[in-house]
Amino acid sequence: MNRYPFLNSAFSLSEVLMHRPNASALLRGGEACPGIRGIVRFYQTPLGVVVSAQVSGLPTAEGDCADRIFGFHIHEGGVCEGDPAFSDAGAHYNPENCSHPFHAGDLPPLFGNDGLAAAAFLTDRFTVDALIGRTVIIHDRRDDFTTNPSGDAGSRIACGVIQRDCRNCLWR
């Protein structure tokens, strides 16, 4: 049975987001940005995976035209540990050995809004099943979508391990 029957006629992001996700990652900030908290949810659909992110506690910038843009990636490792920050999360998830920005784990950036960010998008670069046990990383700078291997996105400031969704996984 199709969990998303509305997809037979037209894609509706809002309807996908009303369902329980297939997987999620609870984000926490590292030593440089301990106040970061968030959740990234993953919804498998017939058209690909809908990724939804909500984050608070991001670094801010002063002045007009100064809000921050943050690199946002799936990494191949399965732990949010290591020094420097979250280094044990490994490199970008890249099962096809593509060059940057064509790694499966290369995601659209998060646009800071006074310390908050929210995003939702559809991608066919991976399935939810392929992501279980991997990590989501937020970087302190924007991804330039050019520089190999990681887009010159800077330090890793937040991390979360992707897990099958559970009823008790709440955004903290």
C-alpha atoms as a PDB file:
ATOM      1  CA  MET A   1       0.000   0.000   0.000  1.00  0.00           C
ATOM      2  CA  ASN A   2       1.331   3.425  -0.952  1.00  0.00           C
ATOM      3  CA  ARG A   3       1.985   5.404   2.238  1.00  0.00           C
ATOM      4  CA  TYR A   4       1.712   8.598   0.164  1.00  0.00           C
ATOM      5  CA  PRO A   5      -1.307   8.082  -2.148  1.00  0.00           C
ATOM      6  CA  PHE A   6      -1.370  11.793  -3.056  1.00  0.00           C
ATOM      7  CA  LEU A   7       1.899  11.310  -4.956  1.00  0.00           C
ATOM      8  CA  ASN A   8       0.003   9.462  -7.689  1.00  0.00           C
ATOM      9  CA  SER A   9      -1.327  12.763  -9.015  1.00  0.00           C
ATOM     10  CA  ALA A  10       1.008  15.508  -7.762  1.00  0.00           C
ATOM     11  CA  PHE A  11       3.823  15.930  -5.296  1.00  0.00           C
ATOM     12  CA  SER A  12       2.768  17.659  -2.070  1.00  0.00           C
ATOM     13  CA  LEU A  13       5.599  18.436   0.314  1.00  0.00           C
ATOM     14  CA  SER A  14       3.226  19.517   3.064  1.00  0.00           C
ATOM     15  CA  GLU A  15       1.431  16.170   2.975  1.00  0.00           C
ATOM     16  CA  VAL A  16       4.705  14.224   3.165  1.00  0.00           C
ATOM     17  CA  LEU A  17       5.780  16.244   6.210  1.00  0.00           C
ATOM     18  CA  MET A  18       2.551  15.372   8.057  1.00  0.00           C
ATOM     19  CA  HIS A  19       3.615  11.692   8.216  1.00  0.00           C
ATOM     20  CA  ARG A  20       6.061  10.104  10.630  1.00  0.00           C
ATOM     21  CA  PRO A  21       9.545  10.140   9.072  1.00  0.00           C
ATOM     22  CA  ASN A  22      11.334   6.929   8.189  1.00  0.00           C
ATOM     23  CA  ALA A  23      14.525   8.128   9.888  1.00  0.00           C
ATOM     24  CA  SER A  24      15.864  11.141  11.758  1.00  0.00           C
ATOM     25  CA  ALA A  25      19.031  12.626  13.211  1.00  0.00           C
ATOM     26  CA  LEU A  26      19.085  14.692  16.403  1.00  0.00           C
ATOM     27  CA  LEU A  27      21.702  17.406  15.966  1.00  0.00           C
ATOM     28  CA  ARG A  28      23.922  18.778  18.711  1.00  0.00           C
ATOM     29  CA  GLY A  29      26.591  21.417  18.546  1.00  0.00           C
ATOM     30  CA  GLY A  30      30.229  20.736  19.210  1.00  0.00           C
ATOM     31  CA  GLU A  31      32.642  22.555  21.487  1.00  0.00           C
ATOM     32  CA  ALA A  32      32.743  25.679  19.270  1.00  0.00           C
ATOM     33  CA  CYS A  33      28.918  25.995  19.125  1.00  0.00           C
ATOM     34  CA  PRO A  34      27.432  24.024  22.043  1.00  0.00           C
ATOM     35  CA  GLY A  35      24.035  25.734  21.786  1.00  0.00           C
ATOM     36  CA  ILE A  36      23.138  24.207  18.421  1.00  0.00           C
ATOM     37  CA  ARG A  37      20.166  21.838  18.573  1.00  0.00           C
ATOM     38  CA  GLY A  38      18.044  20.472  15.785  1.00  0.00           C
ATOM     39  CA  ILE A  39      16.501  17.595  13.954  1.00  0.00           C
ATOM     40  CA  VAL A  40      16.780  16.341  10.404  1.00  0.00           C
ATOM     41  CA  ARG A  41      13.980  14.067   9.231  1.00  0.00           C
ATOM     42  CA  PHE A  42      14.034  11.716   6.238  1.00  0.00           C
ATOM     43  CA  TYR A  43      10.886  10.556   4.410  1.00  0.00           C
ATOM     44  CA  GLN A  44      11.137   7.877   1.718  1.00  0.00           C
ATOM     45  CA  THR A  45       8.675   8.535  -1.124  1.00  0.00           C
ATOM     46  CA  PRO A  46       8.263   7.002  -4.590  1.00  0.00           C
ATOM     47  CA  LEU A  47       9.914  10.119  -6.052  1.00  0.00           C
ATOM     48  CA  GLY A  48      12.945  10.121  -3.720  1.00  0.00           C
ATOM     49  CA  VAL A  49      13.704  11.204  -0.169  1.00  0.00           C
ATOM     50  CA  VAL A  50      12.236  14.334   1.375  1.00  0.00           C
ATOM     51  CA  VAL A  51      14.732  15.856   3.808  1.00  0.00           C
ATOM     52  CA  SER A  52      13.434  18.300   6.414  1.00  0.00           C
ATOM     53  CA  ALA A  53      15.733  20.187   8.789  1.00  0.00           C
ATOM     54  CA  GLN A  54      15.035  22.496  11.741  1.00  0.00           C
ATOM     55  CA  VAL A  55      17.988  23.974  13.628  1.00  0.00           C
ATOM     56  CA  SER A  56      18.445  26.543  16.398  1.00  0.00           C
ATOM     57  CA  GLY A  57      21.493  28.043  18.089  1.00  0.00           C
ATOM     58  CA  LEU A  58      23.479  28.653  14.897  1.00  0.00           C
ATOM     59  CA  PRO A  59      26.144  31.371  14.911  1.00  0.00           C
ATOM     60  CA  THR A  60      24.914  34.763  13.739  1.00  0.00           C
ATOM     61  CA  ALA A  61      26.570  37.706  11.999  1.00  0.00           C
ATOM     62  CA  GLU A  62      26.150  41.458  12.524  1.00  0.00           C
ATOM     63  CA  GLY A  63      24.830  44.007  10.030  1.00  0.00           C
ATOM     64  CA  ASP A  64      22.789  44.063   6.863  1.00  0.00           C
ATOM     65  CA  CYS A  65      23.498  41.298   4.343  1.00  0.00           C
ATOM     66  CA  ALA A  66      25.470  39.404   6.978  1.00  0.00           C
ATOM     67  CA  ASP A  67      23.357  36.398   7.911  1.00  0.00           C
ATOM     68  CA  ARG A  68      25.234  33.139   7.758  1.00  0.00           C
ATOM     69  CA  ILE A  69      25.051  30.315   5.213  1.00  0.00           C
ATOM     70  CA  PHE A  70      26.091  26.867   6.440  1.00  0.00           C
ATOM     71  CA  GLY A  71      27.345  23.782   4.618  1.00  0.00           C
ATOM     72  CA  PHE A  72      25.025  20.801   5.158  1.00  0.00           C
ATOM     73  CA  HIS A  73      26.097  17.243   4.326  1.00  0.00           C
ATOM     74  CA  ILE A  74      25.579  13.544   4.947  1.00  0.00           C
ATOM     75  CA  HIS A  75      28.880  11.982   6.070  1.00  0.00           C
ATOM     76  CA  GLU A  76      29.816   8.317   5.792  1.00  0.00           C
ATOM     77  CA  GLY A  77      30.817   7.747   9.426  1.00  0.00           C
ATOM     78  CA  GLY A  78      28.455   6.656  12.149  1.00  0.00           C
ATOM     79  CA  VAL A  79      29.597   8.610  15.209  1.00  0.00           C
ATOM     80  CA  CYS A  80      29.656  12.258  16.261  1.00  0.00           C
ATOM     81  CA  GLU A  81      33.030  12.177  17.974  1.00  0.00           C
ATOM     82  CA  GLY A  82      36.656  13.024  17.311  1.00  0.00           C
ATOM     83  CA  ASP A  83      39.062  15.920  17.457  1.00  0.00           C
ATOM     84  CA  PRO A  84      38.922  18.197  15.570  1.00  0.00           C
ATOM     85  CA  ALA A  85      35.163  18.406  16.034  1.00  0.00           C
ATOM     86  CA  PHE A  86      33.288  15.379  14.741  1.00  0.00           C
ATOM     87  CA  SER A  87      36.233  14.169  12.632  1.00  0.00           C
ATOM     88  CA  ASP A  88      35.173  10.550  13.246  1.00  0.00           C
ATOM     89  CA  ALA A  89      32.080  11.228  11.086  1.00  0.00           C
ATOM     90  CA  GLY A  90      34.386  10.702   8.104  1.00  0.00           C
ATOM     91  CA  ALA A  91      34.084  12.186   4.621  1.00  0.00           C
ATOM     92  CA  HIS A  92      30.982  13.039   2.624  1.00  0.00           C
ATOM     93  CA  TYR A  93      28.772  10.065   1.843  1.00  0.00           C
ATOM     94  CA  ASN A  94      29.871   9.212  -1.707  1.00  0.00           C
ATOM     95  CA  PRO A  95      29.071   5.610  -2.712  1.00  0.00           C
ATOM     96  CA  GLU A  96      29.551   6.283  -6.457  1.00  0.00           C
ATOM     97  CA  ASN A  97      32.945   8.017  -5.969  1.00  0.00           C
ATOM     98  CA  CYS A  98      31.728  11.220  -7.654  1.00  0.00           C
ATOM     99  CA  SER A  99      33.551  14.538  -7.459  1.00  0.00           C
ATOM    100  CA  HIS A 100      32.179  17.399  -5.384  1.00  0.00           C
ATOM    101  CA  PRO A 101      29.357  18.627  -5.520  1.00  0.00           C
ATOM    102  CA  PHE A 102      27.975  15.387  -6.915  1.00  0.00           C
ATOM    103  CA  HIS A 103      28.511  13.259  -3.781  1.00  0.00           C
ATOM    104  CA  ALA A 104      25.274  11.653  -2.656  1.00  0.00           C
ATOM    105  CA  GLY A 105      25.826  13.438   0.665  1.00  0.00           C
ATOM    106  CA  ASP A 106      26.115  16.952  -0.804  1.00  0.00           C
ATOM    107  CA  LEU A 107      22.961  18.782   0.293  1.00  0.00           C
ATOM    108  CA  PRO A 108      21.624  22.312  -0.254  1.00  0.00           C
ATOM    109  CA  PRO A 109      22.993  24.832   2.274  1.00  0.00           C
ATOM    110  CA  LEU A 110      21.176  26.009   5.371  1.00  0.00           C
ATOM    111  CA  PHE A 111      20.427  29.725   5.399  1.00  0.00           C
ATOM    112  CA  GLY A 112      20.794  31.232   8.864  1.00  0.00           C
ATOM    113  CA  ASN A 113      18.001  33.460  10.125  1.00  0.00           C
ATOM    114  CA  ASP A 114      19.063  35.033  13.428  1.00  0.00           C
ATOM    115  CA  GLY A 115      20.422  31.692  14.665  1.00  0.00           C
ATOM    116  CA  LEU A 116      17.645  29.570  13.174  1.00  0.00           C
ATOM    117  CA  ALA A 117      17.448  27.567   9.959  1.00  0.00           C
ATOM    118  CA  ALA A 118      14.781  25.446   8.318  1.00  0.00           C
ATOM    119  CA  ALA A 119      14.828  23.617   5.011  1.00  0.00           C
ATOM    120  CA  ALA A 120      12.858  20.958   3.144  1.00  0.00           C
ATOM    121  CA  PHE A 121      13.753  19.446  -0.216  1.00  0.00           C
ATOM    122  CA  LEU A 122      13.405  16.329  -2.367  1.00  0.00           C
ATOM    123  CA  THR A 123      16.429  14.346  -3.567  1.00  0.00           C
ATOM    124  CA  ASP A 124      16.983  11.096  -5.435  1.00  0.00           C
ATOM    125  CA  ARG A 125      20.693  10.858  -4.508  1.00  0.00           C
ATOM    126  CA  PHE A 126      20.063   8.197  -1.827  1.00  0.00           C
ATOM    127  CA  THR A 127      17.409   6.108  -0.109  1.00  0.00           C
ATOM    128  CA  VAL A 128      16.577   6.310   3.571  1.00  0.00           C
ATOM    129  CA  ASP A 129      17.810   2.723   4.035  1.00  0.00           C
ATOM    130  CA  ALA A 130      21.262   3.702   2.714  1.00  0.00           C
ATOM    131  CA  LEU A 131      21.546   6.481   5.324  1.00  0.00           C
ATOM    132  CA  ILE A 132      20.865   4.531   8.515  1.00  0.00           C
ATOM    133  CA  GLY A 133      23.905   4.779  10.798  1.00  0.00           C
ATOM    134  CA  ARG A 134      25.516   7.643   8.864  1.00  0.00           C
ATOM    135  CA  THR A 135      25.814  11.219  10.119  1.00  0.00           C
ATOM    136  CA  VAL A 136      24.495  14.665   9.262  1.00  0.00           C
ATOM    137  CA  ILE A 137      27.022  17.501   9.630  1.00  0.00           C
ATOM    138  CA  ILE A 138      26.570  21.274   9.659  1.00  0.00           C
ATOM    139  CA  HIS A 139      29.685  23.280   8.750  1.00  0.00           C
ATOM    140  CA  ASP A 140      30.458  26.844   9.851  1.00  0.00           C
ATOM    141  CA  ARG A 141      30.762  28.220   6.302  1.00  0.00           C
ATOM    142  CA  ARG A 142      28.885  27.830   3.062  1.00  0.00           C
ATOM    143  CA  ASP A 143      29.785  25.086   0.628  1.00  0.00           C
ATOM    144  CA  ASP A 144      31.309  26.634  -2.522  1.00  0.00           C
ATOM    145  CA  PHE A 145      30.109  23.645  -4.628  1.00  0.00           C
ATOM    146  CA  THR A 146      33.511  23.588  -6.335  1.00  0.00           C
ATOM    147  CA  THR A 147      36.436  22.736  -4.045  1.00  0.00           C
ATOM    148  CA  ASN A 148      37.187  19.033  -3.646  1.00  0.00           C
ATOM    149  CA  PRO A 149      36.650  17.106  -1.515  1.00  0.00           C
ATOM    150  CA  SER A 150      34.269  19.055   0.751  1.00  0.00           C
ATOM    151  CA  GLY A 151      33.425  22.418  -0.774  1.00  0.00           C
ATOM    152  CA  ASP A 152      35.683  24.416   1.558  1.00  0.00           C
ATOM    153  CA  ALA A 153      32.774  24.529   4.022  1.00  0.00           C
ATOM    154  CA  GLY A 154      34.939  24.993   7.090  1.00  0.00           C
ATOM    155  CA  SER A 155      34.749  23.424  10.529  1.00  0.00           C
ATOM    156  CA  ARG A 156      32.121  20.918  11.598  1.00  0.00           C
ATOM    157  CA  ILE A 157      29.921  22.690  14.154  1.00  0.00           C
ATOM    158  CA  ALA A 158      27.025  20.237  14.614  1.00  0.00           C
ATOM    159  CA  CYS A 159      26.429  16.533  14.124  1.00  0.00           C
ATOM    160  CA  GLY A 160      23.691  13.911  14.425  1.00  0.00           C
ATOM    161  CA  VAL A 161      23.544  10.163  13.735  1.00  0.00           C
ATOM    162  CA  ILE A 162      20.771   9.036  11.371  1.00  0.00           C
ATOM    163  CA  GLN A 163      18.527   6.425  12.979  1.00  0.00           C
ATOM    164  CA  ARG A 164      15.307   4.670  12.141  1.00  0.00           C
ATOM    165  CA  ASP A 165      12.632   6.949  13.455  1.00  0.00           C
ATOM    166  CA  CYS A 166      11.095   6.181  16.806  1.00  0.00           C
ATOM    167  CA  ARG A 167       8.106   7.586  18.672  1.00  0.00           C
ATOM    168  CA  ASN A 168      10.369   9.038  21.372  1.00  0.00           C
ATOM    169  CA  CYS A 169      12.784  10.894  19.066  1.00  0.00           C
ATOM    170  CA  LEU A 170      11.943  14.494  19.847  1.00  0.00           C
ATOM    171  CA  TRP A 171      13.600  17.736  18.868  1.00  0.00           C
ATOM    172  CA  ARG A 172      15.408  18.847  22.005  1.00  0.00           C
END
